[in-house]
Amino acid sequence: MPTDKPEKTPVDKVKDIISQLKQMEHYSRSNIEKLTEHYLFFDDELKHKEFVTRWGDLINAQNAFEDQVKALIDDCQNYCNKKESES
């Protein structure tokens, strides 16, 4: 007996993408926490300013990535809400 699943709608596919983006957001937060630990080690224990600057730059880039992922999640959710209310 075949168990063919119905084909996903575009909205269902966007919801799957939102789920993946949320997972990326979670890992991004974990990355920021780990980067901050390393930053503090280089700043507090090693007093190595060149590395501190580079760690800071990397933390800022990761923060910017996370902000963009959050904005994309919001936009995708708004798209789904709009499409679902239209049908």
PDB file of N, CA and C in Angstrom:
ATOM      1  N   MET A   1       0.849  -1.166   0.000  1.00  0.00           N
ATOM      2  CA  MET A   1       0.000   0.000   0.000  1.00  0.00           C
ATOM      3  C   MET A   1       0.901   1.238   0.000  1.00  0.00           C
ATOM      4  N   PRO A   2       0.841   2.023  -1.047  1.00  0.00           N
ATOM      5  CA  PRO A   2       1.691   3.218  -1.103  1.00  0.00           C
ATOM      6  C   PRO A   2       1.220   4.265  -0.090  1.00  0.00           C
ATOM      7  N   THR A   3       2.196   4.925   0.485  1.00  0.00           N
ATOM      8  CA  THR A   3       1.886   5.990   1.455  1.00  0.00           C
ATOM      9  C   THR A   3       2.403   7.312   0.902  1.00  0.00           C
ATOM     10  N   ASP A   4       1.819   7.704  -0.211  1.00  0.00           N
ATOM     11  CA  ASP A   4       2.227   8.963  -0.831  1.00  0.00           C
ATOM     12  C   ASP A   4       1.784  10.133   0.035  1.00  0.00           C
ATOM     13  N   LYS A   5       2.729  10.954   0.353  1.00  0.00           N
ATOM     14  CA  LYS A   5       2.407  12.160   1.107  1.00  0.00           C
ATOM     15  C   LYS A   5       1.957  13.225   0.123  1.00  0.00           C
ATOM     16  N   PRO A   6       0.980  14.009   0.516  1.00  0.00           N
ATOM     17  CA  PRO A   6       0.584  15.100  -0.381  1.00  0.00           C
ATOM     18  C   PRO A   6       1.745  16.075  -0.536  1.00  0.00           C
ATOM     19  N   GLU A   7       1.833  16.629  -1.723  1.00  0.00           N
ATOM     20  CA  GLU A   7       2.914  17.577  -1.995  1.00  0.00           C
ATOM     21  C   GLU A   7       2.737  18.816  -1.133  1.00  0.00           C
ATOM     22  N   LYS A   8       3.839  19.303  -0.630  1.00  0.00           N
ATOM     23  CA  LYS A   8       3.780  20.486   0.230  1.00  0.00           C
ATOM     24  C   LYS A   8       3.442  21.723  -0.588  1.00  0.00           C
ATOM     25  N   THR A   9       2.683  22.577   0.043  1.00  0.00           N
ATOM     26  CA  THR A   9       2.356  23.860  -0.579  1.00  0.00           C
ATOM     27  C   THR A   9       3.549  24.801  -0.416  1.00  0.00           C
ATOM     28  N   PRO A  10       3.579  25.883  -1.181  1.00  0.00           N
ATOM     29  CA  PRO A  10       4.653  26.858  -0.987  1.00  0.00           C
ATOM     30  C   PRO A  10       4.724  27.385   0.454  1.00  0.00           C
ATOM     31  N   VAL A  11       3.577  27.573   1.079  1.00  0.00           N
ATOM     32  CA  VAL A  11       3.560  28.054   2.468  1.00  0.00           C
ATOM     33  C   VAL A  11       4.178  27.005   3.392  1.00  0.00           C
ATOM     34  N   ASP A  12       3.865  25.730   3.160  1.00  0.00           N
ATOM     35  CA  ASP A  12       4.469  24.668   3.964  1.00  0.00           C
ATOM     36  C   ASP A  12       5.986  24.654   3.803  1.00  0.00           C
ATOM     37  N   LYS A  13       6.435  24.866   2.583  1.00  0.00           N
ATOM     38  CA  LYS A  13       7.879  24.899   2.330  1.00  0.00           C
ATOM     39  C   LYS A  13       8.532  26.081   3.047  1.00  0.00           C
ATOM     40  N   VAL A  14       7.859  27.231   3.045  1.00  0.00           N
ATOM     41  CA  VAL A  14       8.394  28.398   3.751  1.00  0.00           C
ATOM     42  C   VAL A  14       8.440  28.121   5.244  1.00  0.00           C
ATOM     43  N   LYS A  15       7.434  27.425   5.765  1.00  0.00           N
ATOM     44  CA  LYS A  15       7.438  27.071   7.193  1.00  0.00           C
ATOM     45  C   LYS A  15       8.620  26.158   7.531  1.00  0.00           C
ATOM     46  N   ASP A  16       8.948  25.249   6.618  1.00  0.00           N
ATOM     47  CA  ASP A  16      10.122  24.395   6.821  1.00  0.00           C
ATOM     48  C   ASP A  16      11.398  25.240   6.852  1.00  0.00           C
ATOM     49  N   ILE A  17      11.454  26.218   5.978  1.00  0.00           N
ATOM     50  CA  ILE A  17      12.620  27.106   5.932  1.00  0.00           C
ATOM     51  C   ILE A  17      12.704  27.914   7.221  1.00  0.00           C
ATOM     52  N   ILE A  18      11.570  28.380   7.718  1.00  0.00           N
ATOM     53  CA  ILE A  18      11.554  29.125   8.984  1.00  0.00           C
ATOM     54  C   ILE A  18      12.128  28.256  10.103  1.00  0.00           C
ATOM     55  N   SER A  19      11.749  27.012  10.127  1.00  0.00           N
ATOM     56  CA  SER A  19      12.264  26.089  11.136  1.00  0.00           C
ATOM     57  C   SER A  19      13.786  25.970  11.043  1.00  0.00           C
ATOM     58  N   GLN A  20      14.291  25.868   9.837  1.00  0.00           N
ATOM     59  CA  GLN A  20      15.744  25.791   9.639  1.00  0.00           C
ATOM     60  C   GLN A  20      16.427  27.092  10.058  1.00  0.00           C
ATOM     61  N   LEU A  21      15.803  28.222   9.748  1.00  0.00           N
ATOM     62  CA  LEU A  21      16.371  29.514  10.143  1.00  0.00           C
ATOM     63  C   LEU A  21      16.402  29.665  11.659  1.00  0.00           C
ATOM     64  N   LYS A  22      15.369  29.174  12.324  1.00  0.00           N
ATOM     65  CA  LYS A  22      15.343  29.238  13.790  1.00  0.00           C
ATOM     66  C   LYS A  22      16.465  28.402  14.390  1.00  0.00           C
ATOM     67  N   GLN A  23      16.742  27.277  13.761  1.00  0.00           N
ATOM     68  CA  GLN A  23      17.855  26.448  14.220  1.00  0.00           C
ATOM     69  C   GLN A  23      19.184  27.193  14.014  1.00  0.00           C
ATOM     70  N   MET A  24      19.324  27.865  12.888  1.00  0.00           N
ATOM     71  CA  MET A  24      20.529  28.653  12.635  1.00  0.00           C
ATOM     72  C   MET A  24      20.662  29.775  13.656  1.00  0.00           C
ATOM     73  N   GLU A  25      19.539  30.387  14.004  1.00  0.00           N
ATOM     74  CA  GLU A  25      19.551  31.455  15.012  1.00  0.00           C
ATOM     75  C   GLU A  25      20.046  30.909  16.353  1.00  0.00           C
ATOM     76  N   HIS A  26      19.563  29.730  16.722  1.00  0.00           N
ATOM     77  CA  HIS A  26      19.984  29.102  17.979  1.00  0.00           C
ATOM     78  C   HIS A  26      21.505  28.880  17.978  1.00  0.00           C
ATOM     79  N   TYR A  27      22.015  28.312  16.902  1.00  0.00           N
ATOM     80  CA  TYR A  27      23.456  28.064  16.823  1.00  0.00           C
ATOM     81  C   TYR A  27      24.240  29.367  16.797  1.00  0.00           C
ATOM     82  N   SER A  28      23.666  30.381  16.214  1.00  0.00           N
ATOM     83  CA  SER A  28      24.329  31.681  16.189  1.00  0.00           C
ATOM     84  C   SER A  28      24.521  32.218  17.601  1.00  0.00           C
ATOM     85  N   ARG A  29      23.468  32.085  18.425  1.00  0.00           N
ATOM     86  CA  ARG A  29      23.578  32.518  19.825  1.00  0.00           C
ATOM     87  C   ARG A  29      24.651  31.727  20.563  1.00  0.00           C
ATOM     88  N   SER A  30      24.708  30.430  20.310  1.00  0.00           N
ATOM     89  CA  SER A  30      25.737  29.589  20.931  1.00  0.00           C
ATOM     90  C   SER A  30      27.132  30.029  20.483  1.00  0.00           C
ATOM     91  N   ASN A  31      27.252  30.362  19.204  1.00  0.00           N
ATOM     92  CA  ASN A  31      28.539  30.848  18.693  1.00  0.00           C
ATOM     93  C   ASN A  31      28.950  32.141  19.376  1.00  0.00           C
ATOM     94  N   ILE A  32      27.995  33.043  19.563  1.00  0.00           N
ATOM     95  CA  ILE A  32      28.305  34.319  20.218  1.00  0.00           C
ATOM     96  C   ILE A  32      28.784  34.083  21.642  1.00  0.00           C
ATOM     97  N   GLU A  33      28.129  33.162  22.352  1.00  0.00           N
ATOM     98  CA  GLU A  33      28.541  32.867  23.723  1.00  0.00           C
ATOM     99  C   GLU A  33      29.955  32.300  23.763  1.00  0.00           C
ATOM    100  N   LYS A  34      30.272  31.391  22.859  1.00  0.00           N
ATOM    101  CA  LYS A  34      31.608  30.786  22.820  1.00  0.00           C
ATOM    102  C   LYS A  34      32.652  31.834  22.412  1.00  0.00           C
ATOM    103  N   LEU A  35      32.320  32.650  21.426  1.00  0.00           N
ATOM    104  CA  LEU A  35      33.250  33.716  21.010  1.00  0.00           C
ATOM    105  C   LEU A  35      33.518  34.687  22.156  1.00  0.00           C
ATOM    106  N   THR A  36      32.491  34.982  22.930  1.00  0.00           N
ATOM    107  CA  THR A  36      32.656  35.888  24.067  1.00  0.00           C
ATOM    108  C   THR A  36      33.585  35.277  25.114  1.00  0.00           C
ATOM    109  N   GLU A  37      33.465  33.980  25.343  1.00  0.00           N
ATOM    110  CA  GLU A  37      34.378  33.306  26.271  1.00  0.00           C
ATOM    111  C   GLU A  37      35.828  33.467  25.807  1.00  0.00           C
ATOM    112  N   HIS A  38      36.053  33.244  24.535  1.00  0.00           N
ATOM    113  CA  HIS A  38      37.409  33.372  23.989  1.00  0.00           C
ATOM    114  C   HIS A  38      37.897  34.817  24.070  1.00  0.00           C
ATOM    115  N   TYR A  39      37.003  35.724  23.759  1.00  0.00           N
ATOM    116  CA  TYR A  39      37.332  37.150  23.843  1.00  0.00           C
ATOM    117  C   TYR A  39      37.810  37.496  25.255  1.00  0.00           C
ATOM    118  N   LEU A  40      37.061  37.055  26.251  1.00  0.00           N
ATOM    119  CA  LEU A  40      37.417  37.364  27.640  1.00  0.00           C
ATOM    120  C   LEU A  40      38.756  36.740  28.032  1.00  0.00           C
ATOM    121  N   PHE A  41      39.037  35.547  27.541  1.00  0.00           N
ATOM    122  CA  PHE A  41      40.324  34.916  27.818  1.00  0.00           C
ATOM    123  C   PHE A  41      41.464  35.765  27.273  1.00  0.00           C
ATOM    124  N   PHE A  42      41.339  36.177  26.010  1.00  0.00           N
ATOM    125  CA  PHE A  42      42.411  36.984  25.406  1.00  0.00           C
ATOM    126  C   PHE A  42      42.513  38.360  26.043  1.00  0.00           C
ATOM    127  N   ASP A  43      41.405  38.905  26.488  1.00  0.00           N
ATOM    128  CA  ASP A  43      41.416  40.241  27.093  1.00  0.00           C
ATOM    129  C   ASP A  43      41.889  40.183  28.543  1.00  0.00           C
ATOM    130  N   ASP A  44      41.269  39.324  29.346  1.00  0.00           N
ATOM    131  CA  ASP A  44      41.554  39.302  30.785  1.00  0.00           C
ATOM    132  C   ASP A  44      42.853  38.580  31.134  1.00  0.00           C
ATOM    133  N   GLU A  45      43.081  37.421  30.540  1.00  0.00           N
ATOM    134  CA  GLU A  45      44.228  36.614  30.940  1.00  0.00           C
ATOM    135  C   GLU A  45      45.485  36.896  30.130  1.00  0.00           C
ATOM    136  N   LEU A  46      45.338  37.035  28.827  1.00  0.00           N
ATOM    137  CA  LEU A  46      46.523  37.244  27.992  1.00  0.00           C
ATOM    138  C   LEU A  46      46.853  38.711  27.770  1.00  0.00           C
ATOM    139  N   LYS A  47      45.873  39.560  27.948  1.00  0.00           N
ATOM    140  CA  LYS A  47      46.049  41.004  27.700  1.00  0.00           C
ATOM    141  C   LYS A  47      46.598  41.256  26.290  1.00  0.00           C
ATOM    142  N   HIS A  48      46.104  40.507  25.339  1.00  0.00           N
ATOM    143  CA  HIS A  48      46.584  40.591  23.961  1.00  0.00           C
ATOM    144  C   HIS A  48      45.585  41.406  23.140  1.00  0.00           C
ATOM    145  N   LYS A  49      45.858  42.694  23.022  1.00  0.00           N
ATOM    146  CA  LYS A  49      44.896  43.632  22.423  1.00  0.00           C
ATOM    147  C   LYS A  49      44.618  43.357  20.944  1.00  0.00           C
ATOM    148  N   GLU A  50      45.633  42.908  20.196  1.00  0.00           N
ATOM    149  CA  GLU A  50      45.398  42.643  18.777  1.00  0.00           C
ATOM    150  C   GLU A  50      44.357  41.531  18.609  1.00  0.00           C
ATOM    151  N   PHE A  51      44.496  40.459  19.384  1.00  0.00           N
ATOM    152  CA  PHE A  51      43.524  39.384  19.304  1.00  0.00           C
ATOM    153  C   PHE A  51      42.165  39.817  19.840  1.00  0.00           C
ATOM    154  N   VAL A  52      42.167  40.641  20.875  1.00  0.00           N
ATOM    155  CA  VAL A  52      40.905  41.128  21.440  1.00  0.00           C
ATOM    156  C   VAL A  52      40.116  41.872  20.371  1.00  0.00           C
ATOM    157  N   THR A  53      40.805  42.702  19.607  1.00  0.00           N
ATOM    158  CA  THR A  53      40.145  43.458  18.534  1.00  0.00           C
ATOM    159  C   THR A  53      39.562  42.498  17.490  1.00  0.00           C
ATOM    160  N   ARG A  54      40.325  41.503  17.115  1.00  0.00           N
ATOM    161  CA  ARG A  54      39.849  40.546  16.108  1.00  0.00           C
ATOM    162  C   ARG A  54      38.683  39.717  16.636  1.00  0.00           C
ATOM    163  N   TRP A  55      38.750  39.296  17.911  1.00  0.00           N
ATOM    164  CA  TRP A  55      37.622  38.567  18.499  1.00  0.00           C
ATOM    165  C   TRP A  55      36.383  39.456  18.533  1.00  0.00           C
ATOM    166  N   GLY A  56      36.581  40.732  18.884  1.00  0.00           N
ATOM    167  CA  GLY A  56      35.462  41.676  18.910  1.00  0.00           C
ATOM    168  C   GLY A  56      34.824  41.837  17.546  1.00  0.00           C
ATOM    169  N   ASP A  57      35.664  41.920  16.514  1.00  0.00           N
ATOM    170  CA  ASP A  57      35.147  42.025  15.147  1.00  0.00           C
ATOM    171  C   ASP A  57      34.323  40.793  14.768  1.00  0.00           C
ATOM    172  N   LEU A  58      34.811  39.637  15.178  1.00  0.00           N
ATOM    173  CA  LEU A  58      34.106  38.401  14.870  1.00  0.00           C
ATOM    174  C   LEU A  58      32.768  38.322  15.614  1.00  0.00           C
ATOM    175  N   ILE A  59      32.754  38.746  16.855  1.00  0.00           N
ATOM    176  CA  ILE A  59      31.500  38.778  17.629  1.00  0.00           C
ATOM    177  C   ILE A  59      30.502  39.722  16.968  1.00  0.00           C
ATOM    178  N   ASN A  60      30.982  40.880  16.529  1.00  0.00           N
ATOM    179  CA  ASN A  60      30.098  41.845  15.857  1.00  0.00           C
ATOM    180  C   ASN A  60      29.521  41.264  14.566  1.00  0.00           C
ATOM    181  N   ALA A  61      30.357  40.557  13.817  1.00  0.00           N
ATOM    182  CA  ALA A  61      29.878  39.944  12.574  1.00  0.00           C
ATOM    183  C   ALA A  61      28.829  38.867  12.876  1.00  0.00           C
ATOM    184  N   GLN A  62      29.059  38.080  13.917  1.00  0.00           N
ATOM    185  CA  GLN A  62      28.096  37.039  14.286  1.00  0.00           C
ATOM    186  C   GLN A  62      26.788  37.671  14.771  1.00  0.00           C
ATOM    187  N   ASN A  63      26.892  38.773  15.516  1.00  0.00           N
ATOM    188  CA  ASN A  63      25.684  39.493  15.949  1.00  0.00           C
ATOM    189  C   ASN A  63      24.900  40.006  14.750  1.00  0.00           C
ATOM    190  N   ALA A  64      25.609  40.543  13.764  1.00  0.00           N
ATOM    191  CA  ALA A  64      24.946  41.055  12.559  1.00  0.00           C
ATOM    192  C   ALA A  64      24.260  39.918  11.812  1.00  0.00           C
ATOM    193  N   PHE A  65      24.922  38.772  11.728  1.00  0.00           N
ATOM    194  CA  PHE A  65      24.320  37.597  11.095  1.00  0.00           C
ATOM    195  C   PHE A  65      23.037  37.199  11.816  1.00  0.00           C
ATOM    196  N   GLU A  66      23.110  37.141  13.144  1.00  0.00           N
ATOM    197  CA  GLU A  66      21.930  36.754  13.919  1.00  0.00           C
ATOM    198  C   GLU A  66      20.782  37.743  13.716  1.00  0.00           C
ATOM    199  N   ASP A  67      21.090  39.026  13.689  1.00  0.00           N
ATOM    200  CA  ASP A  67      20.059  40.040  13.453  1.00  0.00           C
ATOM    201  C   ASP A  67      19.397  39.853  12.091  1.00  0.00           C
ATOM    202  N   GLN A  68      20.196  39.538  11.080  1.00  0.00           N
ATOM    203  CA  GLN A  68      19.644  39.336   9.744  1.00  0.00           C
ATOM    204  C   GLN A  68      18.791  38.069   9.680  1.00  0.00           C
ATOM    205  N   VAL A  69      19.219  37.027  10.374  1.00  0.00           N
ATOM    206  CA  VAL A  69      18.425  35.793  10.400  1.00  0.00           C
ATOM    207  C   VAL A  69      17.083  36.058  11.083  1.00  0.00           C
ATOM    208  N   LYS A  70      17.110  36.790  12.208  1.00  0.00           N
ATOM    209  CA  LYS A  70      15.859  37.114  12.905  1.00  0.00           C
ATOM    210  C   LYS A  70      14.918  37.908  12.006  1.00  0.00           C
ATOM    211  N   ALA A  71      15.454  38.877  11.299  1.00  0.00           N
ATOM    212  CA  ALA A  71      14.630  39.689  10.402  1.00  0.00           C
ATOM    213  C   ALA A  71      14.039  38.835   9.286  1.00  0.00           C
ATOM    214  N   LEU A  72      14.826  37.910   8.769  1.00  0.00           N
ATOM    215  CA  LEU A  72      14.335  37.028   7.709  1.00  0.00           C
ATOM    216  C   LEU A  72      13.246  36.091   8.230  1.00  0.00           C
ATOM    217  N   ILE A  73      13.416  35.606   9.457  1.00  0.00           N
ATOM    218  CA  ILE A  73      12.375  34.770  10.078  1.00  0.00           C
ATOM    219  C   ILE A  73      11.070  35.554  10.173  1.00  0.00           C
ATOM    220  N   ASP A  74      11.161  36.786  10.665  1.00  0.00           N
ATOM    221  CA  ASP A  74       9.962  37.625  10.777  1.00  0.00           C
ATOM    222  C   ASP A  74       9.305  37.842   9.421  1.00  0.00           C
ATOM    223  N   ASP A  75      10.109  38.152   8.405  1.00  0.00           N
ATOM    224  CA  ASP A  75       9.562  38.377   7.064  1.00  0.00           C
ATOM    225  C   ASP A  75       8.885  37.126   6.519  1.00  0.00           C
ATOM    226  N   CYS A  76       9.508  35.980   6.731  1.00  0.00           N
ATOM    227  CA  CYS A  76       8.924  34.719   6.251  1.00  0.00           C
ATOM    228  C   CYS A  76       7.627  34.391   6.994  1.00  0.00           C
ATOM    229  N   GLN A  77       7.616  34.651   8.296  1.00  0.00           N
ATOM    230  CA  GLN A  77       6.396  34.402   9.062  1.00  0.00           C
ATOM    231  C   GLN A  77       5.276  35.335   8.604  1.00  0.00           C
ATOM    232  N   ASN A  78       5.599  36.578   8.345  1.00  0.00           N
ATOM    233  CA  ASN A  78       4.597  37.521   7.834  1.00  0.00           C
ATOM    234  C   ASN A  78       4.062  37.058   6.480  1.00  0.00           C
ATOM    235  N   TYR A  79       4.944  36.538   5.631  1.00  0.00           N
ATOM    236  CA  TYR A  79       4.530  36.018   4.332  1.00  0.00           C
ATOM    237  C   TYR A  79       3.525  34.875   4.522  1.00  0.00           C
ATOM    238  N   CYS A  80       3.854  33.937   5.415  1.00  0.00           N
ATOM    239  CA  CYS A  80       2.955  32.798   5.667  1.00  0.00           C
ATOM    240  C   CYS A  80       1.610  33.270   6.201  1.00  0.00           C
ATOM    241  N   ASN A  81       1.651  34.188   7.156  1.00  0.00           N
ATOM    242  CA  ASN A  81       0.400  34.708   7.720  1.00  0.00           C
ATOM    243  C   ASN A  81      -0.460  35.361   6.650  1.00  0.00           C
ATOM    244  N   LYS A  82       0.172  36.125   5.789  1.00  0.00           N
ATOM    245  CA  LYS A  82      -0.570  36.793   4.724  1.00  0.00           C
ATOM    246  C   LYS A  82      -1.190  35.786   3.763  1.00  0.00           C
ATOM    247  N   LYS A  83      -0.407  34.802   3.344  1.00  0.00           N
ATOM    248  CA  LYS A  83      -0.901  33.795   2.398  1.00  0.00           C
ATOM    249  C   LYS A  83      -2.013  32.941   3.029  1.00  0.00           C
ATOM    250  N   GLU A  84      -1.869  32.635   4.303  1.00  0.00           N
ATOM    251  CA  GLU A  84      -2.892  31.814   4.963  1.00  0.00           C
ATOM    252  C   GLU A  84      -4.189  32.597   5.159  1.00  0.00           C
ATOM    253  N   SER A  85      -4.081  33.880   5.388  1.00  0.00           N
ATOM    254  CA  SER A  85      -5.295  34.678   5.559  1.00  0.00           C
ATOM    255  C   SER A  85      -6.004  34.914   4.220  1.00  0.00           C
ATOM    256  N   GLU A  86      -5.251  34.834   3.139  1.00  0.00           N
ATOM    257  CA  GLU A  86      -5.836  35.001   1.795  1.00  0.00           C
ATOM    258  C   GLU A  86      -6.632  33.770   1.368  1.00  0.00           C
ATOM    259  N   SER A  87      -6.298  32.628   1.936  1.00  0.00           N
ATOM    260  CA  SER A  87      -6.975  31.402   1.475  1.00  0.00           C
ATOM    261  C   SER A  87      -8.131  31.011   2.357  1.00  0.00           C
TER     262      SER A  87
END
